[in-house]
Amino acid sequence: MLRYTLMRLGIFVGCFVVVWGLVYAGALPKGLGDSNYLWVLLLALVISAPISFIVLRKERDRASERIIRRVDTAKVRLEENRSQEDRVDDATRATGHGAQGQTG
């Protein structure tokens, strides 16, 4: 996931530098008043998003597979813990120690 994030950040920084260069060279319009950096930032975001979506597709798929594996592992562990708790509870009830407050 860190790799994907860094790659996405790299694409954004590259787009920011290119857009800043084009604005500085006059190929793209400057922002209004003091909003030049905001204009460059927003334009770089708009340009980098579809580029990242296309270029980083395989890396994004790998990252999501890793996340899915982690979630599945966590689910298995949670289910194992629940089963273990159920076994302990059943054993406690079978020995009569867990019957406090119950009529039977």
PDB file of N, CA and C in Angstrom:
ATOM      1  N   MET A   1       0.820  -1.187   0.000  1.00  0.00           N
ATOM      2  CA  MET A   1       0.000   0.000   0.000  1.00  0.00           C
ATOM      3  C   MET A   1       0.870   1.259   0.000  1.00  0.00           C
ATOM      4  N   LEU A   2       1.968   1.196   0.735  1.00  0.00           N
ATOM      5  CA  LEU A   2       2.885   2.337   0.771  1.00  0.00           C
ATOM      6  C   LEU A   2       3.470   2.587  -0.618  1.00  0.00           C
ATOM      7  N   ARG A   3       3.799   1.511  -1.303  1.00  0.00           N
ATOM      8  CA  ARG A   3       4.359   1.648  -2.649  1.00  0.00           C
ATOM      9  C   ARG A   3       3.379   2.359  -3.580  1.00  0.00           C
ATOM     10  N   TYR A   4       2.111   1.942  -3.543  1.00  0.00           N
ATOM     11  CA  TYR A   4       1.084   2.565  -4.372  1.00  0.00           C
ATOM     12  C   TYR A   4       0.945   4.047  -4.028  1.00  0.00           C
ATOM     13  N   THR A   5       0.926   4.351  -2.744  1.00  0.00           N
ATOM     14  CA  THR A   5       0.786   5.740  -2.304  1.00  0.00           C
ATOM     15  C   THR A   5       1.956   6.594  -2.784  1.00  0.00           C
ATOM     16  N   LEU A   6       3.161   6.049  -2.662  1.00  0.00           N
ATOM     17  CA  LEU A   6       4.333   6.796  -3.120  1.00  0.00           C
ATOM     18  C   LEU A   6       4.328   6.985  -4.638  1.00  0.00           C
ATOM     19  N   MET A   7       3.898   5.957  -5.359  1.00  0.00           N
ATOM     20  CA  MET A   7       3.823   6.088  -6.822  1.00  0.00           C
ATOM     21  C   MET A   7       2.786   7.140  -7.205  1.00  0.00           C
ATOM     22  N   ARG A   8       1.659   7.139  -6.513  1.00  0.00           N
ATOM     23  CA  ARG A   8       0.615   8.120  -6.795  1.00  0.00           C
ATOM     24  C   ARG A   8       1.104   9.531  -6.473  1.00  0.00           C
ATOM     25  N   LEU A   9       1.810   9.668  -5.358  1.00  0.00           N
ATOM     26  CA  LEU A   9       2.385  10.960  -4.986  1.00  0.00           C
ATOM     27  C   LEU A   9       3.409  11.415  -6.025  1.00  0.00           C
ATOM     28  N   GLY A  10       4.201  10.482  -6.541  1.00  0.00           N
ATOM     29  CA  GLY A  10       5.178  10.811  -7.578  1.00  0.00           C
ATOM     30  C   GLY A  10       4.517  11.325  -8.846  1.00  0.00           C
ATOM     31  N   ILE A  11       3.429  10.687  -9.236  1.00  0.00           N
ATOM     32  CA  ILE A  11       2.701  11.148 -10.429  1.00  0.00           C
ATOM     33  C   ILE A  11       2.143  12.547 -10.184  1.00  0.00           C
ATOM     34  N   PHE A  12       1.601  12.782  -8.989  1.00  0.00           N
ATOM     35  CA  PHE A  12       1.075  14.108  -8.683  1.00  0.00           C
ATOM     36  C   PHE A  12       2.175  15.165  -8.718  1.00  0.00           C
ATOM     37  N   VAL A  13       3.311  14.865  -8.100  1.00  0.00           N
ATOM     38  CA  VAL A  13       4.419  15.830  -8.089  1.00  0.00           C
ATOM     39  C   VAL A  13       4.886  16.110  -9.509  1.00  0.00           C
ATOM     40  N   GLY A  14       4.991  15.076 -10.335  1.00  0.00           N
ATOM     41  CA  GLY A  14       5.370  15.273 -11.731  1.00  0.00           C
ATOM     42  C   GLY A  14       4.384  16.163 -12.467  1.00  0.00           C
ATOM     43  N   CYS A  15       3.100  15.922 -12.257  1.00  0.00           N
ATOM     44  CA  CYS A  15       2.078  16.762 -12.889  1.00  0.00           C
ATOM     45  C   CYS A  15       2.148  18.200 -12.370  1.00  0.00           C
ATOM     46  N   PHE A  16       2.398  18.346 -11.064  1.00  0.00           N
ATOM     47  CA  PHE A  16       2.507  19.679 -10.488  1.00  0.00           C
ATOM     48  C   PHE A  16       3.653  20.452 -11.129  1.00  0.00           C
ATOM     49  N   VAL A  17       4.797  19.790 -11.295  1.00  0.00           N
ATOM     50  CA  VAL A  17       5.967  20.454 -11.891  1.00  0.00           C
ATOM     51  C   VAL A  17       5.678  20.837 -13.345  1.00  0.00           C
ATOM     52  N   VAL A  18       5.056  19.924 -14.082  1.00  0.00           N
ATOM     53  CA  VAL A  18       4.742  20.206 -15.493  1.00  0.00           C
ATOM     54  C   VAL A  18       3.746  21.363 -15.594  1.00  0.00           C
ATOM     55  N   VAL A  19       2.681  21.320 -14.792  1.00  0.00           N
ATOM     56  CA  VAL A  19       1.674  22.384 -14.841  1.00  0.00           C
ATOM     57  C   VAL A  19       2.295  23.713 -14.414  1.00  0.00           C
ATOM     58  N   TRP A  20       3.102  23.690 -13.357  1.00  0.00           N
ATOM     59  CA  TRP A  20       3.761  24.920 -12.913  1.00  0.00           C
ATOM     60  C   TRP A  20       4.649  25.478 -14.018  1.00  0.00           C
ATOM     61  N   GLY A  21       5.372  24.608 -14.704  1.00  0.00           N
ATOM     62  CA  GLY A  21       6.224  25.049 -15.814  1.00  0.00           C
ATOM     63  C   GLY A  21       5.410  25.637 -16.958  1.00  0.00           C
ATOM     64  N   LEU A  22       4.285  25.010 -17.274  1.00  0.00           N
ATOM     65  CA  LEU A  22       3.435  25.526 -18.353  1.00  0.00           C
ATOM     66  C   LEU A  22       2.793  26.866 -17.980  1.00  0.00           C
ATOM     67  N   VAL A  23       2.400  27.024 -16.705  1.00  0.00           N
ATOM     68  CA  VAL A  23       1.841  28.301 -16.259  1.00  0.00           C
ATOM     69  C   VAL A  23       2.925  29.367 -16.270  1.00  0.00           C
ATOM     70  N   TYR A  24       4.108  29.012 -15.803  1.00  0.00           N
ATOM     71  CA  TYR A  24       5.222  29.962 -15.764  1.00  0.00           C
ATOM     72  C   TYR A  24       5.623  30.398 -17.175  1.00  0.00           C
ATOM     73  N   ALA A  25       5.558  29.443 -18.124  1.00  0.00           N
ATOM     74  CA  ALA A  25       5.918  29.751 -19.505  1.00  0.00           C
ATOM     75  C   ALA A  25       4.810  30.489 -20.244  1.00  0.00           C
ATOM     76  N   GLY A  26       3.625  30.541 -19.659  1.00  0.00           N
ATOM     77  CA  GLY A  26       2.519  31.252 -20.295  1.00  0.00           C
ATOM     78  C   GLY A  26       1.667  30.374 -21.188  1.00  0.00           C
ATOM     79  N   ALA A  27       1.938  29.072 -21.232  1.00  0.00           N
ATOM     80  CA  ALA A  27       1.144  28.168 -22.062  1.00  0.00           C
ATOM     81  C   ALA A  27      -0.224  27.902 -21.437  1.00  0.00           C
ATOM     82  N   LEU A  28      -0.318  28.014 -20.129  1.00  0.00           N
ATOM     83  CA  LEU A  28      -1.594  27.873 -19.421  1.00  0.00           C
ATOM     84  C   LEU A  28      -1.873  29.182 -18.692  1.00  0.00           C
ATOM     85  N   PRO A  29      -3.154  29.515 -18.521  1.00  0.00           N
ATOM     86  CA  PRO A  29      -3.469  30.776 -17.840  1.00  0.00           C
ATOM     87  C   PRO A  29      -3.084  30.736 -16.369  1.00  0.00           C
ATOM     88  N   LYS A  30      -2.701  31.903 -15.870  1.00  0.00           N
ATOM     89  CA  LYS A  30      -2.384  32.023 -14.450  1.00  0.00           C
ATOM     90  C   LYS A  30      -3.683  32.155 -13.673  1.00  0.00           C
ATOM     91  N   GLY A  31      -3.619  31.850 -12.386  1.00  0.00           N
ATOM     92  CA  GLY A  31      -4.789  32.015 -11.534  1.00  0.00           C
ATOM     93  C   GLY A  31      -5.089  33.481 -11.320  1.00  0.00           C
ATOM     94  N   LEU A  32      -6.164  33.756 -10.646  1.00  0.00           N
ATOM     95  CA  LEU A  32      -6.561  35.130 -10.369  1.00  0.00           C
ATOM     96  C   LEU A  32      -5.844  35.643  -9.128  1.00  0.00           C
ATOM     97  N   GLY A  33      -5.171  36.733  -9.229  1.00  0.00           N
ATOM     98  CA  GLY A  33      -4.505  37.357  -8.093  1.00  0.00           C
ATOM     99  C   GLY A  33      -3.472  36.441  -7.455  1.00  0.00           C
ATOM    100  N   ASP A  34      -3.655  36.176  -6.161  1.00  0.00           N
ATOM    101  CA  ASP A  34      -2.723  35.342  -5.414  1.00  0.00           C
ATOM    102  C   ASP A  34      -3.075  33.857  -5.482  1.00  0.00           C
ATOM    103  N   SER A  35      -4.039  33.477  -6.294  1.00  0.00           N
ATOM    104  CA  SER A  35      -4.483  32.088  -6.346  1.00  0.00           C
ATOM    105  C   SER A  35      -3.676  31.237  -7.318  1.00  0.00           C
ATOM    106  N   ASN A  36      -2.531  31.717  -7.772  1.00  0.00           N
ATOM    107  CA  ASN A  36      -1.751  30.991  -8.766  1.00  0.00           C
ATOM    108  C   ASN A  36      -1.350  29.594  -8.278  1.00  0.00           C
ATOM    109  N   TYR A  37      -0.855  29.494  -7.042  1.00  0.00           N
ATOM    110  CA  TYR A  37      -0.433  28.184  -6.534  1.00  0.00           C
ATOM    111  C   TYR A  37      -1.620  27.252  -6.346  1.00  0.00           C
ATOM    112  N   LEU A  38      -2.748  27.791  -5.909  1.00  0.00           N
ATOM    113  CA  LEU A  38      -3.957  26.978  -5.779  1.00  0.00           C
ATOM    114  C   LEU A  38      -4.408  26.476  -7.147  1.00  0.00           C
ATOM    115  N   TRP A  39      -4.350  27.324  -8.145  1.00  0.00           N
ATOM    116  CA  TRP A  39      -4.706  26.952  -9.514  1.00  0.00           C
ATOM    117  C   TRP A  39      -3.813  25.813 -10.004  1.00  0.00           C
ATOM    118  N   VAL A  40      -2.523  25.957  -9.804  1.00  0.00           N
ATOM    119  CA  VAL A  40      -1.572  24.921 -10.234  1.00  0.00           C
ATOM    120  C   VAL A  40      -1.836  23.629  -9.469  1.00  0.00           C
ATOM    121  N   LEU A  41      -2.087  23.718  -8.172  1.00  0.00           N
ATOM    122  CA  LEU A  41      -2.363  22.546  -7.352  1.00  0.00           C
ATOM    123  C   LEU A  41      -3.621  21.812  -7.823  1.00  0.00           C
ATOM    124  N   LEU A  42      -4.693  22.546  -8.031  1.00  0.00           N
ATOM    125  CA  LEU A  42      -5.946  21.931  -8.474  1.00  0.00           C
ATOM    126  C   LEU A  42      -5.818  21.330  -9.868  1.00  0.00           C
ATOM    127  N   LEU A  43      -5.168  22.031 -10.758  1.00  0.00           N
ATOM    128  CA  LEU A  43      -4.984  21.509 -12.108  1.00  0.00           C
ATOM    129  C   LEU A  43      -4.124  20.246 -12.093  1.00  0.00           C
ATOM    130  N   ALA A  44      -3.098  20.238 -11.255  1.00  0.00           N
ATOM    131  CA  ALA A  44      -2.250  19.044 -11.133  1.00  0.00           C
ATOM    132  C   ALA A  44      -3.042  17.875 -10.567  1.00  0.00           C
ATOM    133  N   LEU A  45      -3.917  18.124  -9.601  1.00  0.00           N
ATOM    134  CA  LEU A  45      -4.771  17.066  -9.062  1.00  0.00           C
ATOM    135  C   LEU A  45      -5.703  16.489 -10.125  1.00  0.00           C
ATOM    136  N   VAL A  46      -6.317  17.384 -10.892  1.00  0.00           N
ATOM    137  CA  VAL A  46      -7.253  16.949 -11.930  1.00  0.00           C
ATOM    138  C   VAL A  46      -6.541  16.137 -13.013  1.00  0.00           C
ATOM    139  N   ILE A  47      -5.333  16.507 -13.337  1.00  0.00           N
ATOM    140  CA  ILE A  47      -4.583  15.799 -14.376  1.00  0.00           C
ATOM    141  C   ILE A  47      -4.005  14.485 -13.845  1.00  0.00           C
ATOM    142  N   SER A  48      -3.515  14.486 -12.596  1.00  0.00           N
ATOM    143  CA  SER A  48      -2.854  13.289 -12.067  1.00  0.00           C
ATOM    144  C   SER A  48      -3.836  12.169 -11.728  1.00  0.00           C
ATOM    145  N   ALA A  49      -5.077  12.493 -11.401  1.00  0.00           N
ATOM    146  CA  ALA A  49      -6.046  11.464 -11.011  1.00  0.00           C
ATOM    147  C   ALA A  49      -6.292  10.439 -12.119  1.00  0.00           C
ATOM    148  N   PRO A  50      -6.659  10.846 -13.342  1.00  0.00           N
ATOM    149  CA  PRO A  50      -6.874   9.828 -14.380  1.00  0.00           C
ATOM    150  C   PRO A  50      -5.579   9.128 -14.799  1.00  0.00           C
ATOM    151  N   ILE A  51      -4.464   9.847 -14.748  1.00  0.00           N
ATOM    152  CA  ILE A  51      -3.184   9.208 -15.084  1.00  0.00           C
ATOM    153  C   ILE A  51      -2.887   8.105 -14.072  1.00  0.00           C
ATOM    154  N   SER A  52      -3.061   8.394 -12.791  1.00  0.00           N
ATOM    155  CA  SER A  52      -2.837   7.397 -11.744  1.00  0.00           C
ATOM    156  C   SER A  52      -3.799   6.231 -11.905  1.00  0.00           C
ATOM    157  N   PHE A  53      -5.044   6.519 -12.217  1.00  0.00           N
ATOM    158  CA  PHE A  53      -6.044   5.469 -12.370  1.00  0.00           C
ATOM    159  C   PHE A  53      -5.645   4.482 -13.460  1.00  0.00           C
ATOM    160  N   ILE A  54      -5.098   4.981 -14.554  1.00  0.00           N
ATOM    161  CA  ILE A  54      -4.724   4.118 -15.675  1.00  0.00           C
ATOM    162  C   ILE A  54      -3.355   3.475 -15.453  1.00  0.00           C
ATOM    163  N   VAL A  55      -2.372   4.279 -15.100  1.00  0.00           N
ATOM    164  CA  VAL A  55      -0.991   3.790 -15.008  1.00  0.00           C
ATOM    165  C   VAL A  55      -0.801   2.845 -13.818  1.00  0.00           C
ATOM    166  N   LEU A  56      -1.468   3.108 -12.719  1.00  0.00           N
ATOM    167  CA  LEU A  56      -1.242   2.323 -11.505  1.00  0.00           C
ATOM    168  C   LEU A  56      -2.277   1.229 -11.281  1.00  0.00           C
ATOM    169  N   ARG A  57      -2.960   0.821 -12.320  1.00  0.00           N
ATOM    170  CA  ARG A  57      -4.011  -0.185 -12.188  1.00  0.00           C
ATOM    171  C   ARG A  57      -3.486  -1.484 -11.583  1.00  0.00           C
ATOM    172  N   LYS A  58      -2.373  -1.996 -12.093  1.00  0.00           N
ATOM    173  CA  LYS A  58      -1.832  -3.260 -11.592  1.00  0.00           C
ATOM    174  C   LYS A  58      -1.387  -3.129 -10.140  1.00  0.00           C
ATOM    175  N   GLU A  59      -0.739  -2.019  -9.817  1.00  0.00           N
ATOM    176  CA  GLU A  59      -0.285  -1.808  -8.439  1.00  0.00           C
ATOM    177  C   GLU A  59      -1.471  -1.662  -7.492  1.00  0.00           C
ATOM    178  N   ARG A  60      -2.525  -0.997  -7.942  1.00  0.00           N
ATOM    179  CA  ARG A  60      -3.728  -0.837  -7.122  1.00  0.00           C
ATOM    180  C   ARG A  60      -4.384  -2.200  -6.891  1.00  0.00           C
ATOM    181  N   ASP A  61      -4.412  -3.045  -7.921  1.00  0.00           N
ATOM    182  CA  ASP A  61      -4.974  -4.390  -7.771  1.00  0.00           C
ATOM    183  C   ASP A  61      -4.157  -5.213  -6.779  1.00  0.00           C
ATOM    184  N   ARG A  62      -2.815  -5.115  -6.854  1.00  0.00           N
ATOM    185  CA  ARG A  62      -1.965  -5.833  -5.903  1.00  0.00           C
ATOM    186  C   ARG A  62      -2.207  -5.353  -4.477  1.00  0.00           C
ATOM    187  N   ALA A  63      -2.325  -4.049  -4.315  1.00  0.00           N
ATOM    188  CA  ALA A  63      -2.561  -3.495  -2.978  1.00  0.00           C
ATOM    189  C   ALA A  63      -3.910  -3.965  -2.430  1.00  0.00           C
ATOM    190  N   SER A  64      -4.932  -3.977  -3.259  1.00  0.00           N
ATOM    191  CA  SER A  64      -6.242  -4.413  -2.782  1.00  0.00           C
ATOM    192  C   SER A  64      -6.252  -5.910  -2.481  1.00  0.00           C
ATOM    193  N   GLU A  65      -5.475  -6.707  -3.224  1.00  0.00           N
ATOM    194  CA  GLU A  65      -5.366  -8.138  -2.908  1.00  0.00           C
ATOM    195  C   GLU A  65      -4.718  -8.333  -1.545  1.00  0.00           C
ATOM    196  N   ARG A  66      -3.689  -7.535  -1.242  1.00  0.00           N
ATOM    197  CA  ARG A  66      -3.043  -7.624   0.072  1.00  0.00           C
ATOM    198  C   ARG A  66      -4.019  -7.245   1.181  1.00  0.00           C
ATOM    199  N   ILE A  67      -4.808  -6.219   0.944  1.00  0.00           N
ATOM    200  CA  ILE A  67      -5.796  -5.799   1.944  1.00  0.00           C
ATOM    201  C   ILE A  67      -6.837  -6.892   2.144  1.00  0.00           C
ATOM    202  N   ILE A  68      -7.294  -7.500   1.065  1.00  0.00           N
ATOM    203  CA  ILE A  68      -8.278  -8.575   1.164  1.00  0.00           C
ATOM    204  C   ILE A  68      -7.707  -9.747   1.956  1.00  0.00           C
ATOM    205  N   ARG A  69      -6.436 -10.093   1.709  1.00  0.00           N
ATOM    206  CA  ARG A  69      -5.814 -11.189   2.471  1.00  0.00           C
ATOM    207  C   ARG A  69      -5.753 -10.846   3.955  1.00  0.00           C
ATOM    208  N   ARG A  70      -5.398  -9.614   4.279  1.00  0.00           N
ATOM    209  CA  ARG A  70      -5.334  -9.207   5.680  1.00  0.00           C
ATOM    210  C   ARG A  70      -6.706  -9.286   6.342  1.00  0.00           C
ATOM    211  N   VAL A  71      -7.732  -8.831   5.639  1.00  0.00           N
ATOM    212  CA  VAL A  71      -9.089  -8.873   6.182  1.00  0.00           C
ATOM    213  C   VAL A  71      -9.521 -10.320   6.374  1.00  0.00           C
ATOM    214  N   ASP A  72      -9.242 -11.175   5.402  1.00  0.00           N
ATOM    215  CA  ASP A  72      -9.608 -12.586   5.523  1.00  0.00           C
ATOM    216  C   ASP A  72      -8.884 -13.244   6.694  1.00  0.00           C
ATOM    217  N   THR A  73      -7.607 -12.928   6.877  1.00  0.00           N
ATOM    218  CA  THR A  73      -6.851 -13.466   8.004  1.00  0.00           C
ATOM    219  C   THR A  73      -7.446 -12.990   9.324  1.00  0.00           C
ATOM    220  N   ALA A  74      -7.809 -11.729   9.384  1.00  0.00           N
ATOM    221  CA  ALA A  74      -8.418 -11.192  10.601  1.00  0.00           C
ATOM    222  C   ALA A  74      -9.755 -11.873  10.880  1.00  0.00           C
ATOM    223  N   LYS A  75     -10.541 -12.144   9.842  1.00  0.00           N
ATOM    224  CA  LYS A  75     -11.821 -12.834  10.021  1.00  0.00           C
ATOM    225  C   LYS A  75     -11.604 -14.244  10.557  1.00  0.00           C
ATOM    226  N   VAL A  76     -10.604 -14.950  10.011  1.00  0.00           N
ATOM    227  CA  VAL A  76     -10.310 -16.309  10.474  1.00  0.00           C
ATOM    228  C   VAL A  76      -9.899 -16.279  11.946  1.00  0.00           C
ATOM    229  N   ARG A  77      -9.038 -15.354  12.311  1.00  0.00           N
ATOM    230  CA  ARG A  77      -8.610 -15.251  13.711  1.00  0.00           C
ATOM    231  C   ARG A  77      -9.771 -14.919  14.634  1.00  0.00           C
ATOM    232  N   LEU A  78     -10.634 -14.026  14.186  1.00  0.00           N
ATOM    233  CA  LEU A  78     -11.803 -13.671  14.990  1.00  0.00           C
ATOM    234  C   LEU A  78     -12.706 -14.883  15.183  1.00  0.00           C
ATOM    235  N   GLU A  79     -12.922 -15.635  14.140  1.00  0.00           N
ATOM    236  CA  GLU A  79     -13.754 -16.836  14.225  1.00  0.00           C
ATOM    237  C   GLU A  79     -13.108 -17.883  15.132  1.00  0.00           C
ATOM    238  N   GLU A  80     -11.791 -18.024  15.056  1.00  0.00           N
ATOM    239  CA  GLU A  80     -11.085 -18.947  15.956  1.00  0.00           C
ATOM    240  C   GLU A  80     -11.255 -18.516  17.409  1.00  0.00           C
ATOM    241  N   ASN A  81     -11.153 -17.215  17.664  1.00  0.00           N
ATOM    242  CA  ASN A  81     -11.347 -16.709  19.023  1.00  0.00           C
ATOM    243  C   ASN A  81     -12.772 -16.964  19.505  1.00  0.00           C
ATOM    244  N   ARG A  82     -13.739 -16.750  18.632  1.00  0.00           N
ATOM    245  CA  ARG A  82     -15.139 -17.009  19.012  1.00  0.00           C
ATOM    246  C   ARG A  82     -15.344 -18.483  19.318  1.00  0.00           C
ATOM    247  N   SER A  83     -14.788 -19.347  18.486  1.00  0.00           N
ATOM    248  CA  SER A  83     -14.926 -20.783  18.703  1.00  0.00           C
ATOM    249  C   SER A  83     -14.279 -21.195  20.019  1.00  0.00           C
ATOM    250  N   GLN A  84     -13.110 -20.636  20.290  1.00  0.00           N
ATOM    251  CA  GLN A  84     -12.412 -20.945  21.538  1.00  0.00           C
ATOM    252  C   GLN A  84     -13.237 -20.471  22.732  1.00  0.00           C
ATOM    253  N   GLU A  85     -13.808 -19.286  22.648  1.00  0.00           N
ATOM    254  CA  GLU A  85     -14.652 -18.787  23.727  1.00  0.00           C
ATOM    255  C   GLU A  85     -15.877 -19.672  23.914  1.00  0.00           C
ATOM    256  N   ASP A  86     -16.475 -20.124  22.810  1.00  0.00           N
ATOM    257  CA  ASP A  86     -17.636 -21.011  22.895  1.00  0.00           C
ATOM    258  C   ASP A  86     -17.270 -22.327  23.568  1.00  0.00           C
ATOM    259  N   ARG A  87     -16.100 -22.875  23.221  1.00  0.00           N
ATOM    260  CA  ARG A  87     -15.672 -24.139  23.828  1.00  0.00           C
ATOM    261  C   ARG A  87     -15.447 -23.963  25.328  1.00  0.00           C
ATOM    262  N   VAL A  88     -14.808 -22.862  25.713  1.00  0.00           N
ATOM    263  CA  VAL A  88     -14.574 -22.601  27.140  1.00  0.00           C
ATOM    264  C   VAL A  88     -15.907 -22.414  27.859  1.00  0.00           C
ATOM    265  N   ASP A  89     -16.812 -21.687  27.251  1.00  0.00           N
ATOM    266  CA  ASP A  89     -18.121 -21.454  27.847  1.00  0.00           C
ATOM    267  C   ASP A  89     -18.880 -22.766  28.000  1.00  0.00           C
ATOM    268  N   ASP A  90     -18.854 -23.592  26.967  1.00  0.00           N
ATOM    269  CA  ASP A  90     -19.534 -24.891  27.026  1.00  0.00           C
ATOM    270  C   ASP A  90     -18.919 -25.778  28.097  1.00  0.00           C
ATOM    271  N   ALA A  91     -17.594 -25.771  28.204  1.00  0.00           N
ATOM    272  CA  ALA A  91     -16.924 -26.591  29.216  1.00  0.00           C
ATOM    273  C   ALA A  91     -17.269 -26.084  30.611  1.00  0.00           C
ATOM    274  N   THR A  92     -17.347 -24.777  30.770  1.00  0.00           N
ATOM    275  CA  THR A  92     -17.686 -24.203  32.067  1.00  0.00           C
ATOM    276  C   THR A  92     -19.108 -24.572  32.466  1.00  0.00           C
ATOM    277  N   ARG A  93     -20.012 -24.506  31.535  1.00  0.00           N
ATOM    278  CA  ARG A  93     -21.405 -24.866  31.816  1.00  0.00           C
ATOM    279  C   ARG A  93     -21.535 -26.355  32.116  1.00  0.00           C
ATOM    280  N   ALA A  94     -20.763 -27.171  31.422  1.00  0.00           N
ATOM    281  CA  ALA A  94     -20.840 -28.619  31.630  1.00  0.00           C
ATOM    282  C   ALA A  94     -20.364 -29.006  33.026  1.00  0.00           C
ATOM    283  N   THR A  95     -19.408 -28.282  33.559  1.00  0.00           N
ATOM    284  CA  THR A  95     -18.904 -28.594  34.903  1.00  0.00           C
ATOM    285  C   THR A  95     -19.748 -27.949  35.985  1.00  0.00           C
ATOM    286  N   GLY A  96     -20.688 -27.086  35.612  1.00  0.00           N
ATOM    287  CA  GLY A  96     -21.579 -26.476  36.577  1.00  0.00           C
ATOM    288  C   GLY A  96     -21.081 -25.179  37.167  1.00  0.00           C
ATOM    289  N   HIS A  97     -19.919 -24.717  36.771  1.00  0.00           N
ATOM    290  CA  HIS A  97     -19.377 -23.472  37.326  1.00  0.00           C
ATOM    291  C   HIS A  97     -20.029 -22.238  36.730  1.00  0.00           C
ATOM    292  N   GLY A  98     -20.620 -22.364  35.607  1.00  0.00           N
ATOM    293  CA  GLY A  98     -21.186 -21.189  34.938  1.00  0.00           C
ATOM    294  C   GLY A  98     -22.668 -21.058  35.137  1.00  0.00           C
ATOM    295  N   ALA A  99     -23.258 -21.828  36.067  1.00  0.00           N
ATOM    296  CA  ALA A  99     -24.697 -21.854  36.230  1.00  0.00           C
ATOM    297  C   ALA A  99     -25.180 -20.909  37.321  1.00  0.00           C
ATOM    298  N   GLN A 100     -24.404 -19.954  37.702  1.00  0.00           N
ATOM    299  CA  GLN A 100     -24.813 -19.022  38.744  1.00  0.00           C
ATOM    300  C   GLN A 100     -26.009 -18.206  38.276  1.00  0.00           C
ATOM    301  N   GLY A 101     -27.006 -18.137  39.122  1.00  0.00           N
ATOM    302  CA  GLY A 101     -28.178 -17.328  38.806  1.00  0.00           C
ATOM    303  C   GLY A 101     -29.138 -18.010  37.847  1.00  0.00           C
ATOM    304  N   GLN A 102     -28.868 -19.231  37.448  1.00  0.00           N
ATOM    305  CA  GLN A 102     -29.752 -19.936  36.530  1.00  0.00           C
ATOM    306  C   GLN A 102     -30.433 -21.072  37.285  1.00  0.00           C
ATOM    307  N   THR A 103     -31.664 -21.312  36.945  1.00  0.00           N
ATOM    308  CA  THR A 103     -32.358 -22.455  37.534  1.00  0.00           C
ATOM    309  C   THR A 103     -32.367 -23.570  36.523  1.00  0.00           C
ATOM    310  N   GLY A 104     -32.226 -24.754  36.972  1.00  0.00           N
ATOM    311  CA  GLY A 104     -32.097 -25.759  35.955  1.00  0.00           C
ATOM    312  C   GLY A 104     -32.730 -26.984  36.244  1.00  0.00           C
TER     313      GLY A 104
END
